[in-house]
Amino acid sequence: MVHKKYLCRAPKILLIGAGPSTSGLIAELSLNFDAIVAADGGFDSAQQAKLEVALVVGDMDSQLELPANQAAAHITDQETTDFQKCLSVCDAHIFLGVGFLGGRLDHQLAAFSALLNEPRPVILMDEAQLVFVVPQKFSIDLEAETPVGFYPMVPVEASLRGVRWPLSNAVMSPMGQIATSNIALGGALEITVDRPGLLAILPRRDLDAVLTALGRGFGKAHDQ
């Protein structure tokens, strides 16, 4: 599904899904984002957090009635999720999605697939953690003893430095080498990967550092 005209453009867009979240977290995150887009039933979560929503997107199977003045994109396509629909009609330098982790496992797996197919930086977050696809060259400063995890959604060759258990040109795959339980040594954590496909899992507290690091290099890596 390709939309030639984006319905919402902003440097940083907060996407709100209908999955588990809290009004407090959503309201806190909204302070640092330029526009808020709700995925179907995520509009209810945005309203509970008393936020102004720039656009509601989805097949509207969970959102039957909207205020008359609310901008919306009703997309009936059943081949894509509401999360994918949001990405298709919105453009940003970086996206943060809340309400897409937890809840139904099939929805969460579908969100991970959407990350894998998205060339722009997208972070998914809940109360405890954040998840994103690592660009081909990535560096971030973390405190010592920060728990970090890496999971290959497709076979990749990766090197990890600045962690207790480093890897050098390791062949990683869902059925082989993974690195889901690791610890940052402190300072620069550096990752190189031969293709997009490696999920990074970090604590919620590192959101600002991740936003900065992805803003530095994600697009460049995917344009190679």
N, C-alpha and C. Protein backbone atom coordinates (compact mmCIF):
# COMPACT_ATOMS: atom_id res chain seq x y z
N MET A 1 0.85 -1.20 0.00
CA MET A 1 0.00 0.00 0.00
C MET A 1 0.88 1.24 0.00
N VAL A 2 0.81 2.03 -1.05
CA VAL A 2 1.64 3.21 -1.17
C VAL A 2 0.74 4.44 -1.33
N HIS A 3 0.96 5.44 -0.52
CA HIS A 3 0.23 6.70 -0.62
C HIS A 3 1.20 7.77 -1.10
N LYS A 4 0.89 8.38 -2.25
CA LYS A 4 1.78 9.37 -2.82
C LYS A 4 1.75 10.67 -2.03
N LYS A 5 0.65 10.90 -1.32
CA LYS A 5 0.51 12.14 -0.57
C LYS A 5 0.41 11.82 0.91
N TYR A 6 1.35 12.33 1.69
CA TYR A 6 1.30 12.13 3.13
C TYR A 6 0.25 13.05 3.73
N LEU A 7 -0.51 12.51 4.67
CA LEU A 7 -1.57 13.29 5.31
C LEU A 7 -1.09 13.98 6.57
N CYS A 8 0.05 13.56 7.09
CA CYS A 8 0.63 14.20 8.27
C CYS A 8 2.14 14.18 8.13
N ARG A 9 2.75 15.34 8.22
CA ARG A 9 4.21 15.48 8.17
C ARG A 9 4.66 16.26 9.40
N ALA A 10 5.72 15.78 10.04
CA ALA A 10 6.30 16.48 11.18
C ALA A 10 7.68 15.88 11.44
N PRO A 11 8.58 16.64 12.07
CA PRO A 11 9.90 16.08 12.36
C PRO A 11 9.83 14.82 13.22
N LYS A 12 9.01 14.87 14.29
CA LYS A 12 8.87 13.72 15.18
C LYS A 12 7.38 13.45 15.42
N ILE A 13 6.95 12.23 15.11
CA ILE A 13 5.54 11.86 15.25
C ILE A 13 5.40 10.77 16.30
N LEU A 14 4.46 10.98 17.22
CA LEU A 14 4.09 9.97 18.21
C LEU A 14 2.89 9.20 17.70
N LEU A 15 3.05 7.90 17.54
CA LEU A 15 1.96 7.02 17.10
C LEU A 15 1.38 6.33 18.33
N ILE A 16 0.06 6.35 18.45
CA ILE A 16 -0.59 5.75 19.61
C ILE A 16 -1.46 4.59 19.16
N GLY A 17 -1.16 3.39 19.63
CA GLY A 17 -1.94 2.21 19.32
C GLY A 17 -2.93 1.89 20.42
N ALA A 18 -3.73 0.87 20.20
CA ALA A 18 -4.79 0.51 21.14
C ALA A 18 -4.32 -0.51 22.17
N GLY A 19 -3.04 -0.92 22.12
CA GLY A 19 -2.54 -1.91 23.05
C GLY A 19 -2.28 -1.32 24.42
N PRO A 20 -1.75 -2.16 25.33
CA PRO A 20 -1.53 -1.72 26.71
C PRO A 20 -0.64 -0.49 26.81
N SER A 21 -1.09 0.48 27.60
CA SER A 21 -0.32 1.68 27.87
C SER A 21 -1.00 2.41 29.01
N THR A 22 -0.47 3.56 29.36
CA THR A 22 -1.11 4.38 30.40
C THR A 22 -1.20 5.81 29.92
N SER A 23 -2.19 6.53 30.44
CA SER A 23 -2.34 7.93 30.07
C SER A 23 -1.12 8.74 30.50
N GLY A 24 -0.55 8.36 31.64
CA GLY A 24 0.63 9.09 32.12
C GLY A 24 1.80 8.98 31.17
N LEU A 25 2.07 7.76 30.68
CA LEU A 25 3.18 7.57 29.74
C LEU A 25 2.92 8.31 28.44
N ILE A 26 1.71 8.21 27.90
CA ILE A 26 1.38 8.86 26.64
C ILE A 26 1.52 10.38 26.76
N ALA A 27 0.99 10.93 27.85
CA ALA A 27 1.08 12.38 28.05
C ALA A 27 2.53 12.82 28.19
N GLU A 28 3.33 12.04 28.91
CA GLU A 28 4.74 12.39 29.09
C GLU A 28 5.47 12.40 27.75
N LEU A 29 5.25 11.39 26.94
CA LEU A 29 5.94 11.29 25.65
C LEU A 29 5.52 12.39 24.70
N SER A 30 4.26 12.78 24.77
CA SER A 30 3.72 13.77 23.83
C SER A 30 4.43 15.12 23.94
N LEU A 31 5.03 15.41 25.08
CA LEU A 31 5.67 16.71 25.29
C LEU A 31 6.85 16.94 24.36
N ASN A 32 7.46 15.86 23.87
CA ASN A 32 8.66 15.97 23.05
C ASN A 32 8.42 15.62 21.58
N PHE A 33 7.14 15.57 21.17
CA PHE A 33 6.83 15.22 19.79
C PHE A 33 5.99 16.30 19.13
N ASP A 34 6.13 16.40 17.81
CA ASP A 34 5.53 17.50 17.07
C ASP A 34 4.10 17.23 16.63
N ALA A 35 3.74 15.96 16.50
CA ALA A 35 2.39 15.61 16.07
C ALA A 35 2.03 14.25 16.66
N ILE A 36 0.74 14.05 16.87
CA ILE A 36 0.24 12.80 17.44
C ILE A 36 -0.73 12.19 16.45
N VAL A 37 -0.49 10.92 16.13
CA VAL A 37 -1.34 10.17 15.20
C VAL A 37 -1.82 8.92 15.92
N ALA A 38 -3.12 8.67 15.86
CA ALA A 38 -3.70 7.51 16.53
C ALA A 38 -4.02 6.42 15.52
N ALA A 39 -3.68 5.20 15.87
CA ALA A 39 -4.03 4.04 15.06
C ALA A 39 -5.37 3.50 15.54
N ASP A 40 -6.43 3.82 14.82
CA ASP A 40 -7.77 3.33 15.12
C ASP A 40 -8.12 3.50 16.59
N GLY A 41 -8.25 2.41 17.34
CA GLY A 41 -8.65 2.48 18.75
C GLY A 41 -7.68 3.22 19.64
N GLY A 42 -6.48 3.50 19.15
CA GLY A 42 -5.54 4.31 19.90
C GLY A 42 -6.06 5.72 20.16
N PHE A 43 -7.08 6.13 19.39
CA PHE A 43 -7.66 7.45 19.61
C PHE A 43 -8.26 7.55 21.01
N ASP A 44 -8.85 6.46 21.50
CA ASP A 44 -9.41 6.47 22.85
C ASP A 44 -8.31 6.70 23.90
N SER A 45 -7.16 6.04 23.69
CA SER A 45 -6.03 6.23 24.61
C SER A 45 -5.54 7.67 24.58
N ALA A 46 -5.49 8.27 23.39
CA ALA A 46 -5.07 9.66 23.26
C ALA A 46 -6.04 10.60 23.96
N GLN A 47 -7.34 10.32 23.82
CA GLN A 47 -8.34 11.15 24.48
C GLN A 47 -8.23 11.05 26.00
N GLN A 48 -7.99 9.85 26.50
CA GLN A 48 -7.86 9.67 27.94
C GLN A 48 -6.66 10.46 28.48
N ALA A 49 -5.64 10.62 27.62
CA ALA A 49 -4.47 11.40 28.02
C ALA A 49 -4.66 12.89 27.73
N LYS A 50 -5.85 13.25 27.24
CA LYS A 50 -6.22 14.65 26.96
C LYS A 50 -5.29 15.28 25.91
N LEU A 51 -5.04 14.55 24.84
CA LEU A 51 -4.15 15.02 23.80
C LEU A 51 -4.93 15.39 22.54
N GLU A 52 -4.40 16.36 21.81
CA GLU A 52 -4.96 16.73 20.51
C GLU A 52 -4.34 15.83 19.45
N VAL A 53 -5.17 15.13 18.69
CA VAL A 53 -4.70 14.16 17.70
C VAL A 53 -4.76 14.78 16.32
N ALA A 54 -3.63 14.78 15.63
CA ALA A 54 -3.58 15.37 14.29
C ALA A 54 -4.33 14.51 13.28
N LEU A 55 -4.29 13.17 13.47
CA LEU A 55 -4.88 12.28 12.47
C LEU A 55 -5.18 10.94 13.12
N VAL A 56 -6.33 10.38 12.78
CA VAL A 56 -6.68 9.01 13.16
C VAL A 56 -6.64 8.17 11.89
N VAL A 57 -5.97 7.02 11.97
CA VAL A 57 -5.76 6.18 10.78
C VAL A 57 -6.17 4.75 11.08
N GLY A 58 -6.83 4.10 10.13
CA GLY A 58 -7.12 2.68 10.28
C GLY A 58 -8.36 2.26 9.55
N ASP A 59 -8.72 0.99 9.74
CA ASP A 59 -9.95 0.50 9.12
C ASP A 59 -11.17 0.83 9.97
N MET A 60 -10.93 1.41 11.12
CA MET A 60 -11.97 1.91 12.04
C MET A 60 -12.89 0.81 12.56
N ASP A 61 -12.37 -0.40 12.67
CA ASP A 61 -13.18 -1.46 13.26
C ASP A 61 -13.27 -1.33 14.78
N SER A 62 -12.38 -0.52 15.36
CA SER A 62 -12.42 -0.28 16.80
C SER A 62 -12.85 1.14 17.13
N GLN A 63 -13.06 1.96 16.11
CA GLN A 63 -13.36 3.37 16.33
C GLN A 63 -14.52 3.76 15.42
N LEU A 64 -15.73 3.54 15.90
CA LEU A 64 -16.89 3.72 15.04
C LEU A 64 -17.29 5.18 14.90
N GLU A 65 -17.08 5.98 15.93
CA GLU A 65 -17.49 7.38 15.89
C GLU A 65 -16.34 8.27 16.30
N LEU A 66 -16.14 9.32 15.54
CA LEU A 66 -15.11 10.31 15.84
C LEU A 66 -15.77 11.69 15.88
N PRO A 67 -15.18 12.64 16.59
CA PRO A 67 -15.71 14.00 16.56
C PRO A 67 -15.77 14.52 15.13
N ALA A 68 -16.73 15.35 14.85
CA ALA A 68 -16.96 15.82 13.48
C ALA A 68 -15.75 16.55 12.91
N ASN A 69 -14.98 17.20 13.76
CA ASN A 69 -13.84 17.98 13.27
C ASN A 69 -12.52 17.22 13.33
N GLN A 70 -12.57 15.92 13.61
CA GLN A 70 -11.35 15.14 13.72
C GLN A 70 -10.87 14.64 12.36
N ALA A 71 -9.64 15.00 11.98
CA ALA A 71 -9.07 14.50 10.72
C ALA A 71 -8.84 12.99 10.83
N ALA A 72 -9.21 12.27 9.79
CA ALA A 72 -9.09 10.82 9.82
C ALA A 72 -8.82 10.28 8.43
N ALA A 73 -8.13 9.15 8.38
CA ALA A 73 -7.89 8.42 7.13
C ALA A 73 -8.47 7.03 7.31
N HIS A 74 -9.62 6.80 6.71
CA HIS A 74 -10.29 5.50 6.81
C HIS A 74 -9.79 4.63 5.67
N ILE A 75 -8.96 3.65 6.00
CA ILE A 75 -8.34 2.79 4.99
C ILE A 75 -8.85 1.37 5.20
N THR A 76 -9.62 0.88 4.26
CA THR A 76 -10.30 -0.40 4.45
C THR A 76 -9.44 -1.62 4.13
N ASP A 77 -8.30 -1.41 3.52
CA ASP A 77 -7.38 -2.50 3.19
C ASP A 77 -7.17 -3.43 4.38
N GLN A 78 -7.36 -4.73 4.16
CA GLN A 78 -7.18 -5.71 5.22
C GLN A 78 -5.85 -6.47 5.11
N GLU A 79 -5.00 -6.06 4.21
CA GLU A 79 -3.70 -6.71 4.05
C GLU A 79 -2.64 -6.11 4.96
N THR A 80 -2.93 -4.95 5.56
CA THR A 80 -1.96 -4.28 6.42
C THR A 80 -2.61 -3.96 7.76
N THR A 81 -1.78 -3.82 8.78
CA THR A 81 -2.27 -3.46 10.11
C THR A 81 -2.49 -1.95 10.20
N ASP A 82 -3.18 -1.53 11.26
CA ASP A 82 -3.39 -0.10 11.46
C ASP A 82 -2.05 0.62 11.68
N PHE A 83 -1.09 -0.05 12.31
CA PHE A 83 0.25 0.51 12.48
C PHE A 83 0.90 0.78 11.13
N GLN A 84 0.82 -0.19 10.23
CA GLN A 84 1.37 0.00 8.88
C GLN A 84 0.64 1.11 8.14
N LYS A 85 -0.65 1.18 8.32
CA LYS A 85 -1.43 2.24 7.67
C LYS A 85 -0.96 3.62 8.13
N CYS A 86 -0.69 3.74 9.43
CA CYS A 86 -0.18 5.02 9.96
C CYS A 86 1.13 5.40 9.27
N LEU A 87 2.05 4.45 9.18
CA LEU A 87 3.34 4.73 8.55
C LEU A 87 3.18 5.08 7.07
N SER A 88 2.16 4.52 6.43
CA SER A 88 2.00 4.76 4.99
C SER A 88 1.50 6.16 4.67
N VAL A 89 0.78 6.79 5.61
CA VAL A 89 0.21 8.11 5.32
C VAL A 89 0.88 9.24 6.12
N CYS A 90 1.93 8.89 6.87
CA CYS A 90 2.63 9.89 7.68
C CYS A 90 4.10 9.91 7.30
N ASP A 91 4.72 11.08 7.45
CA ASP A 91 6.15 11.20 7.18
C ASP A 91 6.80 11.97 8.32
N ALA A 92 7.92 11.42 8.80
CA ALA A 92 8.65 12.06 9.90
C ALA A 92 10.11 11.65 9.82
N HIS A 93 10.95 12.45 10.47
CA HIS A 93 12.35 12.06 10.59
C HIS A 93 12.48 10.85 11.50
N ILE A 94 11.56 10.75 12.50
CA ILE A 94 11.58 9.63 13.42
C ILE A 94 10.18 9.44 14.01
N PHE A 95 9.80 8.19 14.23
CA PHE A 95 8.51 7.84 14.82
C PHE A 95 8.75 7.15 16.16
N LEU A 96 7.85 7.39 17.10
CA LEU A 96 7.81 6.62 18.33
C LEU A 96 6.40 6.07 18.48
N GLY A 97 6.29 4.76 18.68
CA GLY A 97 5.00 4.13 18.83
C GLY A 97 4.80 3.60 20.24
N VAL A 98 3.68 3.96 20.85
CA VAL A 98 3.31 3.44 22.17
C VAL A 98 1.93 2.80 22.04
N GLY A 99 1.73 1.67 22.74
CA GLY A 99 0.47 0.94 22.59
C GLY A 99 0.55 -0.11 21.51
N PHE A 100 1.77 -0.50 21.13
CA PHE A 100 1.97 -1.55 20.12
C PHE A 100 2.72 -2.76 20.68
N LEU A 101 3.24 -2.64 21.90
CA LEU A 101 3.90 -3.76 22.57
C LEU A 101 2.96 -4.31 23.64
N GLY A 102 3.12 -5.60 23.94
CA GLY A 102 2.26 -6.22 24.92
C GLY A 102 0.90 -6.55 24.32
N GLY A 103 -0.02 -6.99 25.15
CA GLY A 103 -1.34 -7.35 24.65
C GLY A 103 -1.26 -8.59 23.77
N ARG A 104 -1.96 -8.58 22.66
CA ARG A 104 -2.01 -9.74 21.78
C ARG A 104 -0.66 -9.97 21.10
N LEU A 105 -0.16 -11.19 21.21
CA LEU A 105 1.15 -11.51 20.66
C LEU A 105 1.16 -11.38 19.15
N ASP A 106 0.06 -11.74 18.47
CA ASP A 106 0.06 -11.63 17.01
C ASP A 106 0.18 -10.17 16.57
N HIS A 107 -0.43 -9.26 17.33
CA HIS A 107 -0.30 -7.83 17.00
C HIS A 107 1.13 -7.36 17.19
N GLN A 108 1.77 -7.83 18.25
CA GLN A 108 3.14 -7.42 18.52
C GLN A 108 4.08 -7.95 17.44
N LEU A 109 3.92 -9.20 17.03
CA LEU A 109 4.76 -9.77 15.97
C LEU A 109 4.54 -9.02 14.66
N ALA A 110 3.30 -8.64 14.38
CA ALA A 110 3.02 -7.87 13.16
C ALA A 110 3.72 -6.52 13.21
N ALA A 111 3.78 -5.91 14.41
CA ALA A 111 4.47 -4.63 14.55
C ALA A 111 5.96 -4.79 14.28
N PHE A 112 6.56 -5.89 14.74
CA PHE A 112 7.97 -6.14 14.48
C PHE A 112 8.23 -6.31 12.98
N SER A 113 7.31 -6.99 12.29
CA SER A 113 7.45 -7.14 10.84
C SER A 113 7.39 -5.78 10.15
N ALA A 114 6.52 -4.91 10.65
CA ALA A 114 6.44 -3.56 10.07
C ALA A 114 7.74 -2.81 10.27
N LEU A 115 8.39 -2.96 11.43
CA LEU A 115 9.68 -2.32 11.66
C LEU A 115 10.70 -2.80 10.64
N LEU A 116 10.69 -4.08 10.37
CA LEU A 116 11.68 -4.66 9.45
C LEU A 116 11.53 -4.10 8.04
N ASN A 117 10.31 -3.76 7.66
CA ASN A 117 10.05 -3.28 6.30
C ASN A 117 10.03 -1.77 6.17
N GLU A 118 10.32 -1.06 7.26
CA GLU A 118 10.23 0.41 7.26
C GLU A 118 11.63 1.03 7.16
N PRO A 119 11.89 1.84 6.12
CA PRO A 119 13.21 2.45 5.95
C PRO A 119 13.48 3.64 6.88
N ARG A 120 12.45 4.18 7.52
CA ARG A 120 12.64 5.30 8.43
C ARG A 120 12.77 4.78 9.86
N PRO A 121 13.41 5.54 10.76
CA PRO A 121 13.57 5.06 12.13
C PRO A 121 12.25 5.08 12.91
N VAL A 122 11.94 3.93 13.51
CA VAL A 122 10.73 3.78 14.30
C VAL A 122 11.10 3.06 15.60
N ILE A 123 10.68 3.62 16.71
CA ILE A 123 10.89 3.01 18.02
C ILE A 123 9.53 2.61 18.58
N LEU A 124 9.43 1.40 19.12
CA LEU A 124 8.24 0.99 19.86
C LEU A 124 8.59 0.95 21.34
N MET A 125 7.67 1.37 22.18
CA MET A 125 7.99 1.55 23.59
C MET A 125 6.80 1.20 24.48
N ASP A 126 7.11 0.65 25.67
CA ASP A 126 6.10 0.49 26.70
C ASP A 126 6.64 1.05 28.00
N GLU A 127 6.05 0.70 29.11
CA GLU A 127 6.45 1.28 30.40
C GLU A 127 7.87 0.92 30.79
N ALA A 128 8.39 -0.21 30.26
CA ALA A 128 9.69 -0.70 30.74
C ALA A 128 10.79 -0.66 29.70
N GLN A 129 10.46 -0.79 28.43
CA GLN A 129 11.49 -1.02 27.42
C GLN A 129 11.15 -0.34 26.11
N LEU A 130 12.16 -0.29 25.23
CA LEU A 130 11.95 0.21 23.88
C LEU A 130 12.66 -0.72 22.90
N VAL A 131 12.11 -0.77 21.69
CA VAL A 131 12.57 -1.71 20.67
C VAL A 131 12.69 -0.97 19.35
N PHE A 132 13.77 -1.25 18.61
CA PHE A 132 13.93 -0.65 17.29
C PHE A 132 14.87 -1.51 16.46
N VAL A 133 14.84 -1.31 15.15
CA VAL A 133 15.76 -2.00 14.25
C VAL A 133 17.06 -1.22 14.18
N VAL A 134 18.16 -1.90 14.41
CA VAL A 134 19.47 -1.26 14.41
C VAL A 134 19.88 -0.90 12.98
N PRO A 135 20.30 0.35 12.74
CA PRO A 135 20.86 0.68 11.43
C PRO A 135 22.19 -0.04 11.23
N GLN A 136 22.71 0.01 10.01
CA GLN A 136 23.90 -0.78 9.70
C GLN A 136 25.13 -0.33 10.46
N LYS A 137 25.17 0.95 10.85
CA LYS A 137 26.23 1.45 11.72
C LYS A 137 25.55 2.26 12.82
N PHE A 138 25.82 1.87 14.05
CA PHE A 138 25.08 2.47 15.16
C PHE A 138 25.98 2.60 16.37
N SER A 139 25.92 3.75 17.04
CA SER A 139 26.69 3.98 18.25
C SER A 139 25.85 4.77 19.23
N ILE A 140 25.90 4.35 20.50
CA ILE A 140 25.12 5.03 21.53
C ILE A 140 25.89 4.97 22.84
N ASP A 141 25.84 6.05 23.61
CA ASP A 141 26.47 6.07 24.93
C ASP A 141 25.47 5.61 25.98
N LEU A 142 25.86 4.59 26.75
CA LEU A 142 25.00 4.04 27.79
C LEU A 142 25.76 3.96 29.11
N GLU A 143 25.01 4.00 30.20
CA GLU A 143 25.61 3.81 31.50
C GLU A 143 26.09 2.37 31.67
N ALA A 144 27.12 2.18 32.46
CA ALA A 144 27.59 0.83 32.76
C ALA A 144 26.48 0.03 33.44
N GLU A 145 26.42 -1.24 33.11
CA GLU A 145 25.46 -2.19 33.66
C GLU A 145 24.06 -2.03 33.07
N THR A 146 23.90 -1.23 32.02
CA THR A 146 22.59 -1.15 31.35
C THR A 146 22.29 -2.47 30.65
N PRO A 147 21.13 -3.09 30.92
CA PRO A 147 20.79 -4.32 30.21
C PRO A 147 20.42 -4.02 28.76
N VAL A 148 20.99 -4.77 27.84
CA VAL A 148 20.70 -4.60 26.42
C VAL A 148 20.47 -5.97 25.79
N GLY A 149 19.63 -6.02 24.80
CA GLY A 149 19.37 -7.26 24.10
C GLY A 149 19.30 -7.03 22.60
N PHE A 150 19.70 -8.04 21.84
CA PHE A 150 19.66 -7.96 20.38
C PHE A 150 19.10 -9.27 19.84
N TYR A 151 18.11 -9.13 18.96
CA TYR A 151 17.48 -10.33 18.40
C TYR A 151 17.41 -10.19 16.88
N PRO A 152 17.99 -11.13 16.14
CA PRO A 152 17.95 -11.07 14.67
C PRO A 152 16.62 -11.60 14.14
N MET A 153 15.88 -10.76 13.45
CA MET A 153 14.62 -11.22 12.83
C MET A 153 14.87 -11.94 11.52
N VAL A 154 16.02 -11.67 10.91
CA VAL A 154 16.46 -12.35 9.69
C VAL A 154 17.95 -12.63 9.87
N PRO A 155 18.55 -13.54 9.09
CA PRO A 155 20.00 -13.76 9.21
C PRO A 155 20.78 -12.49 8.91
N VAL A 156 21.68 -12.14 9.82
CA VAL A 156 22.55 -10.97 9.65
C VAL A 156 23.95 -11.33 10.13
N GLU A 157 24.92 -10.54 9.70
CA GLU A 157 26.27 -10.64 10.24
C GLU A 157 26.52 -9.37 11.04
N ALA A 158 26.84 -9.54 12.31
CA ALA A 158 26.90 -8.38 13.19
C ALA A 158 28.12 -8.42 14.09
N SER A 159 28.56 -7.22 14.49
CA SER A 159 29.61 -7.06 15.49
C SER A 159 29.06 -6.15 16.59
N LEU A 160 29.28 -6.55 17.84
CA LEU A 160 28.86 -5.77 19.00
C LEU A 160 30.08 -5.45 19.84
N ARG A 161 30.28 -4.17 20.13
CA ARG A 161 31.39 -3.74 20.98
C ARG A 161 30.85 -2.84 22.09
N GLY A 162 31.52 -2.87 23.23
CA GLY A 162 31.07 -2.08 24.37
C GLY A 162 30.06 -2.82 25.23
N VAL A 163 30.04 -4.16 25.10
CA VAL A 163 29.16 -4.99 25.91
C VAL A 163 29.98 -6.09 26.58
N ARG A 164 29.42 -6.68 27.62
CA ARG A 164 30.15 -7.70 28.38
C ARG A 164 30.48 -8.90 27.51
N TRP A 165 29.58 -9.25 26.61
CA TRP A 165 29.81 -10.38 25.72
C TRP A 165 29.79 -9.89 24.27
N PRO A 166 30.93 -9.42 23.79
CA PRO A 166 31.00 -8.84 22.44
C PRO A 166 30.91 -9.93 21.36
N LEU A 167 30.61 -9.49 20.16
CA LEU A 167 30.59 -10.36 19.00
C LEU A 167 31.40 -9.70 17.89
N SER A 168 32.06 -10.50 17.09
CA SER A 168 32.84 -9.98 15.97
C SER A 168 32.47 -10.74 14.71
N ASN A 169 31.82 -10.04 13.78
CA ASN A 169 31.40 -10.63 12.51
C ASN A 169 30.68 -11.96 12.73
N ALA A 170 29.78 -11.96 13.70
CA ALA A 170 29.04 -13.17 14.03
C ALA A 170 27.83 -13.32 13.10
N VAL A 171 27.58 -14.53 12.65
CA VAL A 171 26.38 -14.81 11.87
C VAL A 171 25.24 -15.07 12.86
N MET A 172 24.25 -14.20 12.83
CA MET A 172 23.13 -14.29 13.76
C MET A 172 21.86 -14.65 13.00
N SER A 173 20.99 -15.41 13.63
CA SER A 173 19.71 -15.76 13.01
C SER A 173 18.75 -16.22 14.11
N PRO A 174 17.43 -16.21 13.84
CA PRO A 174 16.48 -16.65 14.85
C PRO A 174 16.69 -18.10 15.29
N MET A 175 17.27 -18.92 14.41
CA MET A 175 17.50 -20.32 14.74
C MET A 175 18.95 -20.60 15.14
N GLY A 176 19.74 -19.54 15.28
CA GLY A 176 21.15 -19.71 15.63
C GLY A 176 21.58 -18.74 16.70
N GLN A 177 22.64 -17.99 16.45
CA GLN A 177 23.20 -17.04 17.41
C GLN A 177 22.27 -15.87 17.63
N ILE A 178 21.89 -15.63 18.89
CA ILE A 178 21.16 -14.43 19.27
C ILE A 178 21.93 -13.78 20.42
N ALA A 179 21.49 -12.63 20.87
CA ALA A 179 22.19 -11.94 21.96
C ALA A 179 21.17 -11.17 22.80
N THR A 180 20.20 -11.90 23.33
CA THR A 180 19.08 -11.24 24.00
C THR A 180 19.37 -10.82 25.43
N SER A 181 20.45 -11.28 26.03
CA SER A 181 20.78 -10.90 27.41
C SER A 181 22.24 -10.47 27.46
N ASN A 182 22.46 -9.15 27.44
CA ASN A 182 23.81 -8.63 27.46
C ASN A 182 23.84 -7.41 28.38
N ILE A 183 25.03 -6.90 28.65
CA ILE A 183 25.19 -5.79 29.57
C ILE A 183 26.17 -4.78 28.96
N ALA A 184 25.77 -3.50 28.97
CA ALA A 184 26.67 -2.45 28.48
C ALA A 184 27.79 -2.22 29.48
N LEU A 185 28.99 -1.99 28.96
CA LEU A 185 30.14 -1.75 29.82
C LEU A 185 30.20 -0.30 30.30
N GLY A 186 29.48 0.58 29.63
CA GLY A 186 29.54 2.02 29.93
C GLY A 186 30.29 2.74 28.84
N GLY A 187 29.80 3.91 28.45
CA GLY A 187 30.40 4.63 27.33
C GLY A 187 29.78 4.17 26.02
N ALA A 188 30.57 4.17 24.97
CA ALA A 188 30.04 3.88 23.63
C ALA A 188 29.76 2.40 23.44
N LEU A 189 28.54 2.10 23.03
CA LEU A 189 28.18 0.77 22.56
C LEU A 189 28.08 0.89 21.04
N GLU A 190 28.85 0.09 20.33
CA GLU A 190 28.92 0.20 18.87
C GLU A 190 28.46 -1.10 18.22
N ILE A 191 27.67 -0.93 17.17
CA ILE A 191 27.12 -2.08 16.45
C ILE A 191 27.31 -1.85 14.96
N THR A 192 27.74 -2.87 14.27
CA THR A 192 27.71 -2.87 12.81
C THR A 192 26.98 -4.13 12.37
N VAL A 193 26.18 -4.00 11.36
CA VAL A 193 25.40 -5.12 10.85
C VAL A 193 25.35 -5.01 9.34
N ASP A 194 25.36 -6.13 8.64
CA ASP A 194 25.46 -6.08 7.18
C ASP A 194 24.15 -5.74 6.49
N ARG A 195 23.04 -5.79 7.23
CA ARG A 195 21.74 -5.46 6.64
C ARG A 195 20.77 -5.15 7.77
N PRO A 196 19.72 -4.38 7.50
CA PRO A 196 18.70 -4.16 8.53
C PRO A 196 18.03 -5.48 8.89
N GLY A 197 17.78 -5.68 10.16
CA GLY A 197 17.11 -6.91 10.58
C GLY A 197 17.40 -7.29 12.01
N LEU A 198 18.23 -6.50 12.70
CA LEU A 198 18.58 -6.80 14.08
C LEU A 198 17.78 -5.89 15.02
N LEU A 199 16.95 -6.49 15.86
CA LEU A 199 16.19 -5.73 16.84
C LEU A 199 17.05 -5.42 18.05
N ALA A 200 17.02 -4.19 18.52
CA ALA A 200 17.67 -3.80 19.77
C ALA A 200 16.60 -3.59 20.82
N ILE A 201 16.88 -4.04 22.05
CA ILE A 201 15.94 -3.91 23.16
C ILE A 201 16.68 -3.23 24.31
N LEU A 202 16.25 -2.03 24.69
CA LEU A 202 16.90 -1.24 25.74
C LEU A 202 15.87 -0.77 26.75
N PRO A 203 16.32 -0.34 27.92
CA PRO A 203 15.38 0.19 28.91
C PRO A 203 14.74 1.49 28.44
N ARG A 204 13.55 1.73 28.93
CA ARG A 204 12.80 2.95 28.61
C ARG A 204 13.61 4.21 28.91
N ARG A 205 14.40 4.18 29.98
CA ARG A 205 15.11 5.39 30.40
C ARG A 205 16.08 5.91 29.36
N ASP A 206 16.44 5.07 28.40
CA ASP A 206 17.43 5.45 27.39
C ASP A 206 16.79 6.02 26.13
N LEU A 207 15.51 6.41 26.21
CA LEU A 207 14.81 6.90 25.02
C LEU A 207 15.53 8.10 24.39
N ASP A 208 15.89 9.09 25.19
CA ASP A 208 16.53 10.29 24.62
C ASP A 208 17.82 9.94 23.89
N ALA A 209 18.61 9.06 24.48
CA ALA A 209 19.87 8.66 23.84
C ALA A 209 19.60 7.91 22.54
N VAL A 210 18.57 7.08 22.51
CA VAL A 210 18.24 6.34 21.30
C VAL A 210 17.73 7.27 20.21
N LEU A 211 16.88 8.23 20.58
CA LEU A 211 16.38 9.20 19.60
C LEU A 211 17.55 9.95 18.96
N THR A 212 18.50 10.37 19.78
CA THR A 212 19.66 11.09 19.25
C THR A 212 20.49 10.21 18.35
N ALA A 213 20.75 8.99 18.77
CA ALA A 213 21.60 8.08 18.00
C ALA A 213 20.95 7.70 16.68
N LEU A 214 19.66 7.42 16.69
CA LEU A 214 18.98 7.07 15.44
C LEU A 214 18.90 8.27 14.51
N GLY A 215 18.70 9.44 15.08
CA GLY A 215 18.66 10.65 14.25
C GLY A 215 19.97 10.91 13.55
N ARG A 216 21.07 10.44 14.12
CA ARG A 216 22.39 10.64 13.51
C ARG A 216 22.59 9.78 12.29
N GLY A 217 22.12 8.53 12.32
CA GLY A 217 22.61 7.65 11.28
C GLY A 217 21.65 6.69 10.63
N PHE A 218 20.41 6.61 11.07
CA PHE A 218 19.53 5.57 10.53
C PHE A 218 19.30 5.72 9.03
N GLY A 219 18.95 6.93 8.61
CA GLY A 219 18.66 7.14 7.18
C GLY A 219 19.85 6.85 6.31
N LYS A 220 21.05 7.27 6.75
CA LYS A 220 22.24 7.04 5.96
C LYS A 220 22.48 5.55 5.77
N ALA A 221 22.26 4.79 6.81
CA ALA A 221 22.51 3.36 6.71
C ALA A 221 21.58 2.71 5.70
N HIS A 222 20.31 3.14 5.67
CA HIS A 222 19.36 2.51 4.76
C HIS A 222 19.49 3.02 3.33
N ASP A 223 20.21 4.11 3.13
CA ASP A 223 20.41 4.60 1.76
C ASP A 223 21.62 3.98 1.09
N GLN A 224 22.38 3.18 1.82
CA GLN A 224 23.59 2.61 1.24
C GLN A 224 23.25 1.61 0.17
